[in-house]
Protein backbone atom coordinates (compact mmCIF):
# COMPACT_ATOMS: atom_id res chain seq x y z
CA UNK A 1 78.92 -37.29 -35.87
CA UNK A 2 80.38 -38.88 -32.76
CA UNK A 3 83.57 -37.39 -31.17
CA UNK A 4 86.73 -39.46 -31.48
CA UNK A 5 88.55 -40.94 -28.50
CA UNK A 6 91.43 -38.51 -28.98
CA UNK A 7 89.16 -35.50 -28.77
CA UNK A 8 87.42 -36.81 -25.62
CA UNK A 9 90.79 -37.31 -23.89
CA UNK A 10 91.81 -33.72 -24.74
CA UNK A 11 88.55 -32.35 -23.30
CA UNK A 12 89.04 -34.19 -20.03
CA UNK A 13 92.55 -32.76 -19.68
CA UNK A 14 91.22 -29.20 -20.22
CA UNK A 15 88.52 -29.71 -17.54
CA UNK A 16 91.17 -30.83 -15.01
CA UNK A 17 93.14 -27.67 -15.64
CA UNK A 18 90.05 -25.44 -15.33
CA UNK A 19 89.09 -26.99 -12.00
CA UNK A 20 92.50 -26.16 -10.54
CA UNK A 21 92.30 -22.45 -11.60
CA UNK A 22 90.08 -19.83 -9.79
CA UNK A 23 86.96 -19.15 -11.83
CA UNK A 24 86.76 -15.83 -13.70
CA UNK A 25 90.44 -14.83 -13.05
CA UNK A 26 93.07 -13.95 -15.58
CA UNK A 27 96.62 -15.33 -15.42
CA UNK A 28 97.83 -12.17 -13.61
CA UNK A 29 94.94 -12.32 -11.23
CA UNK A 30 95.69 -15.98 -10.57
CA UNK A 31 99.22 -15.17 -9.65
CA UNK A 32 97.98 -12.34 -7.39
CA UNK A 33 95.40 -14.64 -5.83
CA UNK A 34 98.20 -16.94 -4.69
CA UNK A 35 99.41 -14.18 -2.38
CA UNK A 36 97.59 -13.39 0.90
CA UNK A 37 96.76 -9.88 -0.25
CA UNK A 38 95.28 -11.19 -3.49
CA UNK A 39 93.19 -13.71 -1.65
CA UNK A 40 91.63 -10.89 0.46
CA UNK A 41 90.81 -8.81 -2.64
CA UNK A 42 89.17 -11.72 -4.39
CA UNK A 43 87.17 -12.60 -1.31
CA UNK A 44 85.99 -9.00 -0.93
CA UNK A 45 84.86 -8.85 -4.54
CA UNK A 46 82.98 -12.10 -4.13
CA UNK A 47 81.28 -10.84 -0.96
CA UNK A 48 80.21 -7.63 -2.74
CA UNK A 49 78.84 -9.64 -5.60
CA UNK A 50 76.97 -11.96 -3.22
CA UNK A 51 75.54 -8.95 -1.33
CA UNK A 52 74.33 -7.40 -4.59
CA UNK A 53 72.69 -10.66 -5.56
CA UNK A 54 71.10 -10.93 -2.10
CA UNK A 55 69.78 -7.36 -2.37
CA UNK A 56 68.34 -8.12 -5.78
CA UNK A 57 66.68 -11.25 -4.40
CA UNK A 58 65.22 -9.29 -1.45
CA UNK A 59 63.95 -6.59 -3.79
CA UNK A 60 62.34 -9.15 -6.08
CA UNK A 61 60.85 -11.01 -3.10
CA UNK A 62 59.43 -7.70 -1.82
CA UNK A 63 57.96 -6.95 -5.19
CA UNK A 64 56.39 -10.40 -5.33
CA UNK A 65 55.04 -10.00 -1.79
CA UNK A 66 53.61 -6.54 -2.54
CA UNK A 67 51.97 -7.89 -5.68
CA UNK A 68 50.42 -10.81 -3.76
CA UNK A 69 49.15 -8.49 -1.02
CA UNK A 70 47.72 -6.12 -3.62
CA UNK A 71 45.94 -8.99 -5.33
CA UNK A 72 44.54 -10.11 -1.98
CA UNK A 73 43.35 -6.57 -1.22
CA UNK A 74 41.77 -6.32 -4.66
CA UNK A 75 39.97 -9.61 -4.13
CA UNK A 76 38.79 -8.45 -0.70
CA UNK A 77 37.48 -5.19 -2.17
CA UNK A 78 35.66 -7.05 -4.91
CA UNK A 79 34.16 -9.39 -2.32
CA UNK A 80 33.09 -6.49 -0.06
CA UNK A 81 31.55 -4.57 -2.96
CA UNK A 82 29.66 -7.64 -4.10
CA UNK A 83 28.39 -8.31 -0.57
CA UNK A 84 27.44 -4.64 -0.16
CA UNK A 85 25.44 -4.63 -3.41
CA UNK A 86 23.75 -7.89 -2.42
CA UNK A 87 22.95 -6.53 1.04
CA UNK A 88 21.29 -3.31 -0.11
CA UNK A 89 17.50 -3.28 -0.18
CA UNK A 90 17.39 -1.79 -3.67
CA UNK A 91 17.94 -3.71 -6.87
CA UNK A 92 21.19 -3.08 -8.77
CA UNK A 93 22.00 -4.34 -12.25
CA UNK A 94 24.51 -3.71 -15.06
CA UNK A 95 23.54 -3.57 -18.74
CA UNK A 96 25.85 -4.27 -21.67
CA UNK A 97 25.44 -1.24 -23.94
CA UNK A 98 27.50 -2.74 -26.77
CA UNK A 99 24.76 -5.20 -27.71
CA UNK A 100 21.53 -4.06 -29.38
CA UNK A 101 19.20 -5.91 -27.01
CA UNK A 102 20.91 -4.38 -23.91
CA UNK A 103 21.27 -7.65 -21.93
CA UNK A 104 21.80 -7.67 -18.17
CA UNK A 105 25.24 -8.97 -17.25
CA UNK A 106 24.99 -8.48 -13.46
CA UNK A 107 22.13 -8.40 -10.95
CA UNK A 108 22.25 -8.35 -7.17
CA UNK A 109 20.15 -10.50 -4.88
CA UNK A 110 17.71 -7.67 -4.06
CA UNK A 111 16.71 -7.31 -7.73
CA UNK A 112 16.08 -11.05 -7.87
CA UNK A 113 13.90 -10.87 -4.72
CA UNK A 114 12.10 -7.78 -6.03
CA UNK A 115 11.22 -9.29 -9.41
CA UNK A 116 10.72 -12.89 -8.32
CA UNK A 117 13.28 -14.20 -10.81
CA UNK A 118 16.53 -15.95 -9.96
CA UNK A 119 19.86 -14.41 -10.89
CA UNK A 120 20.35 -17.00 -13.61
CA UNK A 121 16.98 -16.06 -15.11
CA UNK A 122 17.86 -12.36 -15.07
CA UNK A 123 21.38 -12.57 -16.53
CA UNK A 124 21.36 -12.34 -20.30
CA UNK A 125 17.82 -11.07 -20.80
CA UNK A 126 16.70 -7.64 -21.96
CA UNK A 127 16.09 -5.52 -18.87
CA UNK A 128 12.82 -4.17 -20.34
CA UNK A 129 11.40 -7.71 -20.20
CA UNK A 130 11.30 -7.36 -16.43
CA UNK A 131 8.64 -4.64 -16.65
CA UNK A 132 5.90 -6.50 -18.50
CA UNK A 133 3.39 -5.04 -20.96
CA UNK A 134 1.93 -2.50 -18.52
CA UNK A 135 4.94 -0.23 -18.71
CA UNK A 136 3.44 1.52 -21.74
CA UNK A 137 4.98 2.08 -25.19
CA UNK A 138 5.70 5.74 -24.45
CA UNK A 139 7.83 4.88 -21.42
CA UNK A 140 9.63 2.09 -23.32
CA UNK A 141 10.47 4.54 -26.13
CA UNK A 142 11.65 7.13 -23.63
CA UNK A 143 13.99 4.63 -21.95
CA UNK A 144 15.39 3.38 -25.27
CA UNK A 145 15.90 6.88 -26.65
CA UNK A 146 17.62 7.99 -23.46
CA UNK A 147 19.94 4.99 -23.45
CA UNK A 148 20.78 5.28 -27.14
CA UNK A 149 21.74 8.91 -26.58
CA UNK A 150 24.03 7.96 -23.70
CA UNK A 151 21.97 9.95 -21.21
CA UNK A 152 20.82 8.94 -17.69
CA UNK A 153 17.18 7.99 -17.12
CA UNK A 154 14.97 8.41 -14.08
CA UNK A 155 11.30 7.60 -13.71
CA UNK A 156 8.58 5.55 -11.98
CA UNK A 157 6.70 2.71 -13.63
CA UNK A 158 4.83 -0.51 -13.02
CA UNK A 159 7.07 -3.55 -12.58
CA UNK A 160 5.63 -6.98 -13.33
CA UNK A 161 6.94 -9.74 -11.07
CA UNK A 162 7.40 -13.30 -12.22
CA UNK A 163 4.16 -14.38 -10.51
CA UNK A 164 2.21 -11.63 -12.30
CA UNK A 165 1.94 -9.29 -9.32
CA UNK A 166 2.33 -5.60 -10.13
CA UNK A 167 4.57 -3.33 -8.08
CA UNK A 168 5.56 0.30 -8.50
CA UNK A 169 9.30 0.82 -8.93
CA UNK A 170 11.57 3.84 -9.11
CA UNK A 171 14.18 3.29 -11.84
CA UNK A 172 17.46 5.15 -12.36
CA UNK A 173 19.88 4.20 -15.16
CA UNK A 174 23.34 5.85 -15.46
CA UNK A 175 25.83 5.35 -18.34
CA UNK A 176 29.43 4.13 -17.80
CA UNK A 177 31.96 5.32 -20.37
CA UNK A 178 34.73 3.08 -21.67
CA UNK A 179 37.82 3.83 -23.78
CA UNK A 180 37.30 6.59 -26.30
CA UNK A 181 34.45 8.13 -24.27
CA UNK A 182 32.06 5.53 -25.65
CA UNK A 183 29.21 4.21 -23.46
CA UNK A 184 30.14 0.65 -22.62
CA UNK A 185 27.68 -0.22 -19.86
CA UNK A 186 24.76 1.12 -17.84
CA UNK A 187 24.26 0.77 -14.12
CA UNK A 188 20.62 0.45 -13.07
CA UNK A 189 19.18 1.20 -9.62
CA UNK A 190 15.65 0.07 -8.86
CA UNK A 191 13.66 0.70 -5.67
CA UNK A 192 10.25 -0.71 -4.70
CA UNK A 193 7.95 2.27 -4.01
CA UNK A 194 4.67 0.34 -4.03
CA UNK A 195 3.87 1.15 -0.39
CA UNK A 196 4.53 4.85 -0.95
CA UNK A 197 2.38 4.94 -4.07
CA UNK A 198 -0.46 3.10 -2.31
CA UNK A 199 -0.32 5.57 0.59
CA UNK A 200 -0.41 8.48 -1.85
CA UNK A 201 -3.41 6.97 -3.63
CA UNK A 202 -5.11 6.38 -0.28
CA UNK A 203 -4.48 10.01 0.70
CA UNK A 204 -5.96 11.11 -2.63
CA UNK A 205 -9.04 8.96 -2.01
CA UNK A 206 -9.43 10.35 1.51
CA UNK A 207 -9.05 13.88 0.16
CA UNK A 208 -11.86 13.21 -2.30
CA UNK A 209 -13.97 11.71 0.48
CA UNK A 210 -13.41 14.75 2.67
CA UNK A 211 -14.36 17.04 -0.20
CA UNK A 212 -17.49 14.95 -0.66
CA UNK A 213 -18.23 15.26 3.05
CA UNK A 214 -17.85 19.03 2.76
CA UNK A 215 -20.29 19.08 -0.16
CA UNK A 216 -22.71 16.90 1.82
CA UNK A 217 -22.40 19.29 4.77
CA UNK A 218 -23.23 22.23 2.53
CA UNK A 219 -26.12 20.25 1.11
CA UNK A 220 -27.38 19.56 4.63
CA UNK A 221 -27.39 23.29 5.33
CA UNK A 222 -29.30 23.86 2.11
CA UNK A 223 -31.83 21.13 2.97
CA UNK A 224 -32.32 22.62 6.43
CA UNK A 225 -32.99 26.03 4.88
CA UNK A 226 -35.27 24.46 2.28
CA UNK A 227 -37.23 22.63 4.99
CA UNK A 228 -37.74 25.94 6.75
CA UNK A 229 -39.08 27.50 3.54
CA UNK A 230 -41.42 24.57 2.88
CA UNK A 231 -42.84 24.78 6.39
CA UNK A 232 -44.44 28.13 5.63
CA UNK A 233 -46.62 27.05 2.65
CA UNK A 234 -47.53 23.87 4.53
CA UNK A 235 -48.77 26.00 7.42
CA UNK A 236 -50.78 28.08 4.96
CA UNK A 237 -52.33 24.97 3.37
CA UNK A 238 -53.27 23.70 6.82
CA UNK A 239 -54.92 27.03 7.69
CA UNK A 240 -56.91 27.18 4.44
CA UNK A 241 -58.04 23.56 4.81
CA UNK A 242 -59.18 24.04 8.37
CA UNK A 243 -61.00 27.26 7.35
CA UNK A 244 -62.80 25.39 4.55
CA UNK A 245 -63.81 22.69 7.05
CA UNK A 246 -65.37 25.29 9.28
CA UNK A 247 -67.18 26.93 6.36
CA UNK A 248 -68.75 23.65 5.26
CA UNK A 249 -69.38 22.34 8.74
CA UNK A 250 -72.47 20.07 8.84
CA UNK A 251 -72.78 19.77 5.07
CA UNK A 252 -70.96 18.41 2.04
CA UNK A 253 -69.70 15.21 3.75
CA UNK A 254 -67.56 14.20 0.72
CA UNK A 255 -65.86 17.60 0.71
CA UNK A 256 -65.35 17.35 4.47
CA UNK A 257 -63.64 13.96 3.95
CA UNK A 258 -61.34 15.38 1.25
CA UNK A 259 -60.47 18.35 3.43
CA UNK A 260 -59.62 16.01 6.30
CA UNK A 261 -57.25 14.04 4.00
CA UNK A 262 -55.55 17.29 3.05
CA UNK A 263 -55.18 18.27 6.70
CA UNK A 264 -53.80 14.83 7.68
CA UNK A 265 -51.22 14.76 4.84
CA UNK A 266 -50.24 18.34 5.55
CA UNK A 267 -49.63 17.57 9.20
CA UNK A 268 -47.67 14.42 8.28
CA UNK A 269 -45.48 16.39 5.87
CA UNK A 270 -44.92 19.07 8.50
CA UNK A 271 -43.92 16.39 11.02
CA UNK A 272 -41.41 14.87 8.56
CA UNK A 273 -39.86 18.29 7.89
CA UNK A 274 -39.72 19.00 11.62
CA UNK A 275 -37.86 15.72 12.23
CA UNK A 276 -35.59 16.38 9.26
CA UNK A 277 -34.69 19.83 10.58
CA UNK A 278 -34.04 18.38 14.02
CA UNK A 279 -31.81 15.71 12.47
CA UNK A 280 -29.78 18.29 10.55
CA UNK A 281 -29.61 20.79 13.40
CA UNK A 282 -26.19 21.30 14.98
CA UNK A 283 -26.65 20.92 18.70
CA UNK A 284 -25.03 19.21 21.65
CA UNK A 285 -26.35 15.69 22.42
CA UNK A 286 -29.30 15.74 24.79
CA UNK A 287 -29.04 12.59 26.87
CA UNK A 288 -32.34 11.73 28.54
CA UNK A 289 -34.70 8.73 28.95
CA UNK A 290 -36.30 7.90 25.58
CA UNK A 291 -38.53 5.13 24.21
CA UNK A 292 -36.56 3.11 21.65
CA UNK A 293 -39.77 1.82 20.03
CA UNK A 294 -41.06 5.38 19.60
CA UNK A 295 -37.76 6.40 17.98
CA UNK A 296 -38.05 3.49 15.53
CA UNK A 297 -41.62 4.45 14.61
CA UNK A 298 -40.57 8.06 14.02
CA UNK A 299 -37.71 6.84 11.80
CA UNK A 300 -40.08 4.65 9.79
CA UNK A 301 -42.17 7.73 9.00
CA UNK A 302 -39.07 9.37 7.49
CA UNK A 303 -38.26 6.44 5.19
CA UNK A 304 -41.72 5.15 4.28
CA UNK A 305 -41.80 7.05 0.98
CA UNK A 306 -38.33 5.79 0.04
CA UNK A 307 -39.34 2.22 0.90
CA UNK A 308 -42.46 2.50 -1.27
CA UNK A 309 -40.48 3.80 -4.24
CA UNK A 310 -37.93 0.97 -3.89
CA UNK A 311 -40.65 -1.63 -3.35
CA UNK A 312 -39.26 -2.64 0.05
CA UNK A 313 -41.43 -4.28 2.69
CA UNK A 314 -40.79 -2.96 6.19
CA UNK A 315 -41.70 -5.28 9.05
CA UNK A 316 -41.67 -4.35 12.74
CA UNK A 317 -41.34 -6.73 15.68
CA UNK A 318 -41.15 -4.35 18.63
CA UNK A 319 -41.34 -5.91 22.06
CA UNK A 320 -43.95 -4.31 24.31
CA UNK A 321 -43.36 -2.74 27.70
CA UNK A 322 -39.65 -2.15 27.16
CA UNK A 323 -38.04 0.16 29.73
CA UNK A 324 -36.73 3.53 28.62
CA UNK A 325 -33.13 3.88 27.50
CA UNK A 326 -30.89 6.88 28.14
CA UNK A 327 -29.80 8.54 24.93
CA UNK A 328 -30.10 11.32 22.41
CA UNK A 329 -33.19 10.92 20.23
CA UNK A 330 -31.68 12.53 17.13
CA UNK A 331 -28.43 10.54 17.28
CA UNK A 332 -30.26 7.24 17.74
CA UNK A 333 -32.46 8.13 14.75
CA UNK A 334 -29.28 8.77 12.76
CA UNK A 335 -28.00 5.27 13.62
CA UNK A 336 -31.28 3.67 12.57
CA UNK A 337 -31.39 5.67 9.33
CA UNK A 338 -27.84 4.56 8.47
CA UNK A 339 -28.58 0.90 9.13
CA UNK A 340 -31.87 0.92 7.20
CA UNK A 341 -30.28 2.85 4.32
CA UNK A 342 -27.52 0.23 4.09
CA UNK A 343 -30.19 -2.48 3.98
CA UNK A 344 -31.93 -0.64 1.11
CA UNK A 345 -28.67 -0.71 -0.87
CA UNK A 346 -27.99 -4.37 -0.02
CA UNK A 347 -31.34 -5.67 -1.28
CA UNK A 348 -31.59 -3.39 -4.32
CA UNK A 349 -30.25 -6.04 -6.74
CA UNK A 350 -31.30 -9.07 -4.72
CA UNK A 351 -33.41 -11.63 -6.62
CA UNK A 352 -35.24 -12.48 -3.41
CA UNK A 353 -38.09 -10.68 -1.68
CA UNK A 354 -37.08 -7.14 -0.73
CA UNK A 355 -37.82 -7.26 2.96
CA UNK A 356 -36.38 -5.52 6.02
CA UNK A 357 -37.20 -6.60 9.55
CA UNK A 358 -36.71 -4.20 12.47
CA UNK A 359 -37.10 -5.65 15.91
CA UNK A 360 -36.40 -4.78 19.52
CA UNK A 361 -35.98 -7.04 22.53
CA UNK A 362 -34.67 -7.08 26.05
CA UNK A 363 -31.24 -8.70 26.02
CA UNK A 364 -30.93 -8.69 29.81
CA UNK A 365 -32.42 -6.66 32.68
CA UNK A 366 -30.02 -3.78 32.02
CA UNK A 367 -29.78 -3.81 28.19
CA UNK A 368 -32.12 -3.28 25.25
CA UNK A 369 -31.24 -4.64 21.80
CA UNK A 370 -32.39 -3.25 18.43
CA UNK A 371 -31.72 -5.12 15.17
CA UNK A 372 -32.14 -4.44 11.43
CA UNK A 373 -32.27 -7.60 9.31
CA UNK A 374 -32.28 -7.63 5.49
CA UNK A 375 -32.46 -10.24 2.73
CA UNK A 376 -29.60 -8.87 0.65
CA UNK A 377 -26.30 -10.24 -0.59
CA UNK A 378 -24.52 -10.42 2.77
CA UNK A 379 -20.95 -9.34 3.59
CA UNK A 380 -17.86 -11.20 2.40
CA UNK A 381 -15.36 -12.56 4.91
CA UNK A 382 -12.73 -10.27 3.39
CA UNK A 383 -14.76 -7.10 4.05
CA UNK A 384 -16.15 -8.06 7.45
CA UNK A 385 -13.08 -6.91 9.53
CA UNK A 386 -12.94 -3.54 7.69
CA UNK A 387 -16.66 -2.80 7.81
CA UNK A 388 -16.58 -0.23 10.63
CA UNK A 389 -13.32 1.49 9.66
CA UNK A 390 -13.30 5.08 8.43
CA UNK A 391 -13.76 5.61 4.67
CA UNK A 392 -14.27 1.93 3.89
CA UNK A 393 -17.16 1.29 1.52
CA UNK A 394 -18.17 -1.31 -1.03
CA UNK A 395 -20.46 1.15 -2.82
CA UNK A 396 -19.05 3.14 -5.76
CA UNK A 397 -20.69 6.36 -4.55
CA UNK A 398 -20.38 5.72 -0.82
CA UNK A 399 -18.38 7.71 1.70
CA UNK A 400 -17.53 4.85 4.04
CA UNK A 401 -18.43 6.93 7.10
CA UNK A 402 -21.97 5.90 8.04
CA UNK A 403 -21.14 2.71 9.91
CA UNK A 404 -18.07 4.13 11.65
CA UNK A 405 -20.07 7.15 12.83
CA UNK A 406 -22.95 4.90 13.91
CA UNK A 407 -20.63 2.71 15.97
CA UNK A 408 -19.13 5.80 17.61
CA UNK A 409 -22.61 7.08 18.51
CA UNK A 410 -23.67 3.73 20.00
CA UNK A 411 -20.43 3.41 21.98
CA UNK A 412 -20.92 6.97 23.31
CA UNK A 413 -24.31 5.74 24.61
CA UNK A 414 -22.58 2.89 26.43
CA UNK A 415 -23.66 0.22 23.91
CA UNK A 416 -22.18 -1.83 21.11
CA UNK A 417 -22.92 -1.98 17.36
CA UNK A 418 -22.08 -5.19 15.49
CA UNK A 419 -23.08 -7.26 12.45
CA UNK A 420 -23.37 -10.90 11.42
CA UNK A 421 -24.37 -12.74 8.27
CA UNK A 422 -27.72 -14.53 8.44
CA UNK A 423 -27.76 -18.33 8.07
CA UNK A 424 -29.81 -18.15 4.86
CA UNK A 425 -29.05 -14.79 3.22
CA UNK A 426 -28.53 -11.16 4.09
CA UNK A 427 -27.10 -9.64 7.25
CA UNK A 428 -28.31 -8.38 10.61
CA UNK A 429 -26.99 -5.19 12.19
CA UNK A 430 -27.73 -4.98 15.89
CA UNK A 431 -26.88 -2.58 18.67
CA UNK A 432 -27.39 -2.51 22.41
CA UNK A 433 -28.38 0.43 24.63
CA UNK A 434 -28.29 0.41 28.46
CA UNK A 435 -31.59 0.84 30.27
CA UNK A 436 -32.03 4.26 31.87
CA UNK A 437 -31.80 4.35 35.65
CA UNK A 438 -35.17 4.84 37.35
CA UNK A 439 -34.10 8.06 39.07
CA UNK A 440 -32.66 9.52 35.85
CA UNK A 441 -34.47 12.75 34.88
């Protein structure tokens, strides 16, 4: 309903009156305000009111400023914590404990780098999926039971990366309690301990190798003692055979021939045992001029029986009139035995002819070269750089010490031991020895 013209006129008249009067003053106050003293009182009250309003505004502005600064500090702390968790070398993740599949709701950059997944691929998936099938059902059950009971978990397990590579990881999971002392989340901490585990396994392997070496050393002492015991009956056989020869001298030619075979084999066996005892004897190296061809022939006598049993053909190409080399006879025999023994193992399963060639030659006026060539499987490019390192072996029952010891012996003689694959098949081990000086005793 629209106001009438009369009512509008009355309202305008009231507004004119209100504008002329001081706002908020009664009739008595208006009269007092007309006096100078009243004007001062009114002005003072207004100033107090304005000051109170200004103080309220300052207080509210301060509160707003403090709240803004607090929000900025909170955002800075969140940023710093996020950067700190992303900068740490260990993987950190948060699990939602309220859901049955325990999905990951946060993962730092280190966990992504450690597992090979991106953060987007990690978020939302069950954290046990990151460990593959090699974790083992017992460990999975232990983790689930621990989490369901609201207890922390700590253990080591195999972690399967996205590309299928296996790494060892140390995992620690700690519960976070929400309202009502109910587990709301879990914080996980994962560290890559693959290098540590590999070093521990390598130490274990070396410990086993050293124990094997100790057993071999004890066996060598036993063999040396056994060789001494065998020498006595061999000497008796030789004496009886020679006595029988003298008794039947000039008659029984067939018996004389048999007796001579017995004597020859007895002397050959005695020579082998003598060389074996010398090889096992603990003594300081005796460096003197020696004939490398003679050392090779003596070594062949030691391994002839083994070669016959393994159906291996031994070939010799020894250059004539080679000068003497300066070295220890027993140590050089040890090098040759190691190289020939390796060749036996290399050609054992070879489909080709089982043949080993041993040759000597003069490399230059001051150096003699000896080589052992086989027709085996050769050496892979991956194993070639590690071949002379301690405890490296491609044989399941090997010690990995023969070649490293052989190289050390050759280098102590002033030479060099090396290896190369043959163009057709097999490998050739070769070593050099300096020629002995003419005035060397």
